[in-house]
Amino acid sequence: MGILIMEKYDKTIYGVIAGLVLPVIGFFLSFLIKTRGTLITFDDYWQMTMRGDHQQDILIFCLIPNMFLFYFTNFRWNTYNMTKGLVGVTLILGLALFIITL
């Protein structure tokens, strides 16, 4: 039943949209998790993300939601067109991560 519901979302554009939105959600989740109990403001966290010692750690954390969605789209729901969009965006973001951290 669940697979039949997901068939209507088996379009590459849905994977691209999810691949772009989930890292943003991952960034806010990483802010909440990593700054719990500290006095770091969102602006400070953003500066750490762009130029800090924990830059790569934060940016990789942002891609974790894409990995979870990949598992479901590829192995559970068999929505391969959606998986293509998700993987394409994740590869581009991973390349951008590599370039930023150089």
N, C-alpha and C. Protein backbone atom coordinates (compact mmCIF):
# COMPACT_ATOMS: atom_id res chain seq x y z
N MET A 1 0.82 -1.19 0.00
CA MET A 1 0.00 0.00 0.00
C MET A 1 0.87 1.26 0.00
N GLY A 2 1.90 1.30 0.85
CA GLY A 2 2.76 2.47 0.93
C GLY A 2 3.51 2.74 -0.36
N ILE A 3 3.89 1.65 -1.07
CA ILE A 3 4.62 1.81 -2.31
C ILE A 3 3.71 2.41 -3.38
N LEU A 4 2.45 2.01 -3.40
CA LEU A 4 1.51 2.55 -4.38
C LEU A 4 1.31 4.04 -4.18
N ILE A 5 1.30 4.50 -2.96
CA ILE A 5 1.14 5.92 -2.67
C ILE A 5 2.35 6.69 -3.17
N MET A 6 3.53 6.11 -3.05
CA MET A 6 4.76 6.80 -3.43
C MET A 6 4.97 6.84 -4.95
N GLU A 7 4.25 6.03 -5.71
CA GLU A 7 4.44 6.01 -7.16
C GLU A 7 4.13 7.36 -7.79
N LYS A 8 3.18 8.10 -7.24
CA LYS A 8 2.85 9.40 -7.83
C LYS A 8 3.95 10.44 -7.57
N TYR A 9 4.82 10.18 -6.61
CA TYR A 9 5.94 11.08 -6.32
C TYR A 9 7.23 10.63 -7.00
N ASP A 10 7.15 9.62 -7.84
CA ASP A 10 8.35 9.09 -8.50
C ASP A 10 8.71 9.93 -9.71
N LYS A 11 9.06 11.18 -9.46
CA LYS A 11 9.50 12.11 -10.50
C LYS A 11 10.83 12.73 -10.04
N THR A 12 11.70 12.95 -10.98
CA THR A 12 13.02 13.48 -10.67
C THR A 12 12.94 14.83 -9.97
N ILE A 13 11.99 15.66 -10.34
CA ILE A 13 11.88 17.00 -9.75
C ILE A 13 11.60 16.92 -8.25
N TYR A 14 10.84 15.92 -7.82
CA TYR A 14 10.59 15.77 -6.38
C TYR A 14 11.87 15.40 -5.64
N GLY A 15 12.73 14.61 -6.27
CA GLY A 15 14.03 14.30 -5.66
C GLY A 15 14.93 15.51 -5.59
N VAL A 16 14.88 16.35 -6.63
CA VAL A 16 15.69 17.57 -6.63
C VAL A 16 15.22 18.51 -5.53
N ILE A 17 13.91 18.69 -5.43
CA ILE A 17 13.36 19.58 -4.40
C ILE A 17 13.72 19.07 -3.01
N ALA A 18 13.52 17.77 -2.78
CA ALA A 18 13.86 17.20 -1.47
C ALA A 18 15.35 17.31 -1.20
N GLY A 19 16.16 17.12 -2.23
CA GLY A 19 17.62 17.22 -2.08
C GLY A 19 18.09 18.62 -1.75
N LEU A 20 17.31 19.63 -2.12
CA LEU A 20 17.67 21.01 -1.79
C LEU A 20 17.10 21.44 -0.44
N VAL A 21 15.94 20.95 -0.07
CA VAL A 21 15.28 21.38 1.16
C VAL A 21 15.84 20.66 2.39
N LEU A 22 16.11 19.37 2.26
CA LEU A 22 16.56 18.60 3.43
C LEU A 22 17.89 19.08 4.02
N PRO A 23 18.89 19.50 3.24
CA PRO A 23 20.10 20.03 3.88
C PRO A 23 19.86 21.30 4.69
N VAL A 24 18.90 22.11 4.27
CA VAL A 24 18.56 23.32 5.05
C VAL A 24 17.97 22.90 6.39
N ILE A 25 17.07 21.92 6.34
CA ILE A 25 16.49 21.40 7.59
C ILE A 25 17.59 20.77 8.44
N GLY A 26 18.51 20.05 7.79
CA GLY A 26 19.64 19.45 8.50
C GLY A 26 20.52 20.49 9.17
N PHE A 27 20.69 21.64 8.52
CA PHE A 27 21.49 22.71 9.12
C PHE A 27 20.83 23.21 10.40
N PHE A 28 19.53 23.45 10.37
CA PHE A 28 18.85 23.93 11.57
C PHE A 28 18.85 22.86 12.66
N LEU A 29 18.72 21.60 12.28
CA LEU A 29 18.81 20.53 13.27
C LEU A 29 20.21 20.46 13.87
N SER A 30 21.23 20.64 13.04
CA SER A 30 22.59 20.61 13.59
C SER A 30 22.82 21.78 14.53
N PHE A 31 22.23 22.94 14.23
CA PHE A 31 22.34 24.08 15.14
C PHE A 31 21.71 23.73 16.49
N LEU A 32 20.53 23.15 16.46
CA LEU A 32 19.84 22.80 17.71
C LEU A 32 20.60 21.74 18.50
N ILE A 33 21.15 20.75 17.81
CA ILE A 33 21.83 19.65 18.49
C ILE A 33 23.21 20.06 18.98
N LYS A 34 23.98 20.71 18.14
CA LYS A 34 25.37 21.02 18.48
C LYS A 34 25.53 22.20 19.43
N THR A 35 24.54 23.09 19.50
CA THR A 35 24.66 24.24 20.40
C THR A 35 23.84 24.08 21.66
N ARG A 36 23.30 22.92 21.88
CA ARG A 36 22.50 22.66 23.07
C ARG A 36 23.36 22.87 24.32
N GLY A 37 22.90 23.73 25.19
CA GLY A 37 23.61 23.99 26.44
C GLY A 37 24.77 24.97 26.31
N THR A 38 24.92 25.62 25.16
CA THR A 38 25.98 26.60 24.98
C THR A 38 25.37 27.97 24.72
N LEU A 39 26.20 28.97 24.69
CA LEU A 39 25.73 30.33 24.44
C LEU A 39 26.02 30.79 23.02
N ILE A 40 26.16 29.86 22.10
CA ILE A 40 26.45 30.20 20.71
C ILE A 40 25.17 30.68 20.03
N THR A 41 25.25 31.85 19.41
CA THR A 41 24.09 32.38 18.70
C THR A 41 24.06 31.81 17.28
N PHE A 42 22.94 32.02 16.61
CA PHE A 42 22.82 31.53 15.24
C PHE A 42 23.84 32.20 14.32
N ASP A 43 24.09 33.49 14.53
CA ASP A 43 25.09 34.19 13.72
C ASP A 43 26.48 33.60 13.93
N ASP A 44 26.82 33.30 15.18
CA ASP A 44 28.12 32.67 15.46
C ASP A 44 28.22 31.30 14.79
N TYR A 45 27.11 30.56 14.86
CA TYR A 45 27.09 29.23 14.25
C TYR A 45 27.25 29.34 12.74
N TRP A 46 26.62 30.32 12.14
CA TRP A 46 26.75 30.54 10.70
C TRP A 46 28.21 30.87 10.34
N GLN A 47 28.85 31.71 11.16
CA GLN A 47 30.27 32.04 10.93
C GLN A 47 31.15 30.80 11.07
N MET A 48 30.83 29.95 12.05
CA MET A 48 31.57 28.69 12.21
C MET A 48 31.39 27.81 10.98
N THR A 49 30.21 27.85 10.40
CA THR A 49 29.94 27.04 9.23
C THR A 49 30.73 27.54 8.03
N MET A 50 30.85 28.82 7.89
CA MET A 50 31.53 29.38 6.73
C MET A 50 33.04 29.43 6.88
N ARG A 51 33.55 29.63 8.10
CA ARG A 51 34.99 29.81 8.26
C ARG A 51 35.59 29.13 9.49
N GLY A 52 34.82 28.39 10.22
CA GLY A 52 35.31 27.88 11.49
C GLY A 52 36.02 26.54 11.40
N ASP A 53 36.48 26.10 12.58
CA ASP A 53 37.17 24.83 12.69
C ASP A 53 36.23 23.64 12.45
N HIS A 54 34.96 23.83 12.70
CA HIS A 54 33.98 22.74 12.59
C HIS A 54 33.20 22.81 11.29
N GLN A 55 33.71 23.51 10.32
CA GLN A 55 33.01 23.74 9.06
C GLN A 55 32.62 22.44 8.37
N GLN A 56 33.55 21.56 8.17
CA GLN A 56 33.27 20.32 7.46
C GLN A 56 32.30 19.45 8.24
N ASP A 57 32.44 19.40 9.54
CA ASP A 57 31.55 18.63 10.39
C ASP A 57 30.10 19.11 10.26
N ILE A 58 29.92 20.40 10.28
CA ILE A 58 28.57 20.97 10.19
C ILE A 58 27.97 20.72 8.81
N LEU A 59 28.75 20.95 7.77
CA LEU A 59 28.23 20.78 6.42
C LEU A 59 27.93 19.33 6.09
N ILE A 60 28.71 18.40 6.58
CA ILE A 60 28.41 16.98 6.38
C ILE A 60 27.14 16.60 7.13
N PHE A 61 26.97 17.15 8.33
CA PHE A 61 25.76 16.88 9.11
C PHE A 61 24.51 17.30 8.33
N CYS A 62 24.63 18.37 7.55
CA CYS A 62 23.50 18.86 6.76
C CYS A 62 23.06 17.85 5.69
N LEU A 63 23.96 17.01 5.23
CA LEU A 63 23.63 16.05 4.18
C LEU A 63 23.06 14.74 4.71
N ILE A 64 23.07 14.54 6.01
CA ILE A 64 22.55 13.30 6.58
C ILE A 64 21.07 13.06 6.26
N PRO A 65 20.19 14.08 6.29
CA PRO A 65 18.80 13.81 5.91
C PRO A 65 18.66 13.30 4.47
N ASN A 66 19.53 13.74 3.56
CA ASN A 66 19.51 13.22 2.20
C ASN A 66 19.84 11.74 2.17
N MET A 67 20.77 11.32 3.03
CA MET A 67 21.13 9.90 3.09
C MET A 67 19.97 9.05 3.60
N PHE A 68 19.26 9.55 4.60
CA PHE A 68 18.09 8.82 5.09
C PHE A 68 17.02 8.71 4.01
N LEU A 69 16.75 9.80 3.31
CA LEU A 69 15.75 9.75 2.25
C LEU A 69 16.19 8.83 1.12
N PHE A 70 17.48 8.83 0.81
CA PHE A 70 18.00 7.92 -0.21
C PHE A 70 17.68 6.48 0.14
N TYR A 71 17.88 6.11 1.39
CA TYR A 71 17.59 4.74 1.80
C TYR A 71 16.13 4.39 1.50
N PHE A 72 15.22 5.28 1.86
CA PHE A 72 13.80 4.98 1.65
C PHE A 72 13.43 5.00 0.17
N THR A 73 13.89 6.00 -0.59
CA THR A 73 13.49 6.09 -1.99
C THR A 73 14.08 4.97 -2.83
N ASN A 74 15.27 4.53 -2.49
CA ASN A 74 15.93 3.52 -3.32
C ASN A 74 15.61 2.09 -2.89
N PHE A 75 15.61 1.83 -1.61
CA PHE A 75 15.48 0.45 -1.15
C PHE A 75 14.09 0.08 -0.64
N ARG A 76 13.35 1.01 -0.11
CA ARG A 76 12.04 0.68 0.44
C ARG A 76 10.90 0.98 -0.52
N TRP A 77 10.92 2.18 -1.11
CA TRP A 77 9.79 2.61 -1.93
C TRP A 77 10.01 2.34 -3.42
N ASN A 78 11.24 2.04 -3.81
CA ASN A 78 11.60 1.79 -5.21
C ASN A 78 11.16 2.92 -6.15
N THR A 79 11.34 4.14 -5.70
CA THR A 79 11.03 5.31 -6.53
C THR A 79 12.35 5.79 -7.14
N TYR A 80 12.73 5.12 -8.22
CA TYR A 80 14.07 5.32 -8.78
C TYR A 80 14.24 6.68 -9.46
N ASN A 81 13.19 7.23 -10.04
CA ASN A 81 13.34 8.56 -10.64
C ASN A 81 13.55 9.62 -9.57
N MET A 82 12.84 9.50 -8.46
CA MET A 82 13.04 10.43 -7.35
C MET A 82 14.46 10.28 -6.80
N THR A 83 14.93 9.04 -6.75
CA THR A 83 16.29 8.78 -6.27
C THR A 83 17.33 9.45 -7.17
N LYS A 84 17.09 9.45 -8.48
CA LYS A 84 18.03 10.10 -9.41
C LYS A 84 18.17 11.59 -9.09
N GLY A 85 17.07 12.27 -8.86
CA GLY A 85 17.13 13.69 -8.52
C GLY A 85 17.82 13.93 -7.20
N LEU A 86 17.50 13.10 -6.21
CA LEU A 86 18.11 13.23 -4.89
C LEU A 86 19.61 13.01 -4.94
N VAL A 87 20.04 11.97 -5.63
CA VAL A 87 21.47 11.67 -5.73
C VAL A 87 22.20 12.75 -6.52
N GLY A 88 21.58 13.24 -7.60
CA GLY A 88 22.21 14.30 -8.39
C GLY A 88 22.48 15.54 -7.57
N VAL A 89 21.48 15.99 -6.82
CA VAL A 89 21.65 17.18 -5.98
C VAL A 89 22.66 16.92 -4.88
N THR A 90 22.62 15.74 -4.28
CA THR A 90 23.56 15.41 -3.21
C THR A 90 25.00 15.39 -3.73
N LEU A 91 25.21 14.88 -4.93
CA LEU A 91 26.55 14.90 -5.51
C LEU A 91 27.03 16.32 -5.76
N ILE A 92 26.15 17.17 -6.26
CA ILE A 92 26.52 18.57 -6.50
C ILE A 92 26.82 19.27 -5.18
N LEU A 93 26.00 19.03 -4.15
CA LEU A 93 26.26 19.63 -2.84
C LEU A 93 27.55 19.08 -2.23
N GLY A 94 27.81 17.79 -2.43
CA GLY A 94 29.05 17.21 -1.93
C GLY A 94 30.27 17.82 -2.61
N LEU A 95 30.17 18.06 -3.91
CA LEU A 95 31.26 18.72 -4.64
C LEU A 95 31.45 20.15 -4.15
N ALA A 96 30.34 20.85 -3.91
CA ALA A 96 30.43 22.21 -3.38
C ALA A 96 31.06 22.18 -1.98
N LEU A 97 30.71 21.21 -1.17
CA LEU A 97 31.31 21.04 0.16
C LEU A 97 32.81 20.87 0.05
N PHE A 98 33.23 20.04 -0.90
CA PHE A 98 34.66 19.81 -1.12
C PHE A 98 35.37 21.11 -1.50
N ILE A 99 34.77 21.86 -2.40
CA ILE A 99 35.38 23.11 -2.85
C ILE A 99 35.42 24.14 -1.74
N ILE A 100 34.36 24.24 -0.96
CA ILE A 100 34.31 25.21 0.13
C ILE A 100 35.36 24.93 1.19
N THR A 101 35.60 23.66 1.48
CA THR A 101 36.52 23.32 2.56
C THR A 101 37.98 23.29 2.14
N LEU A 102 38.27 23.57 0.87
CA LEU A 102 39.67 23.62 0.43
C LEU A 102 40.40 24.78 1.04
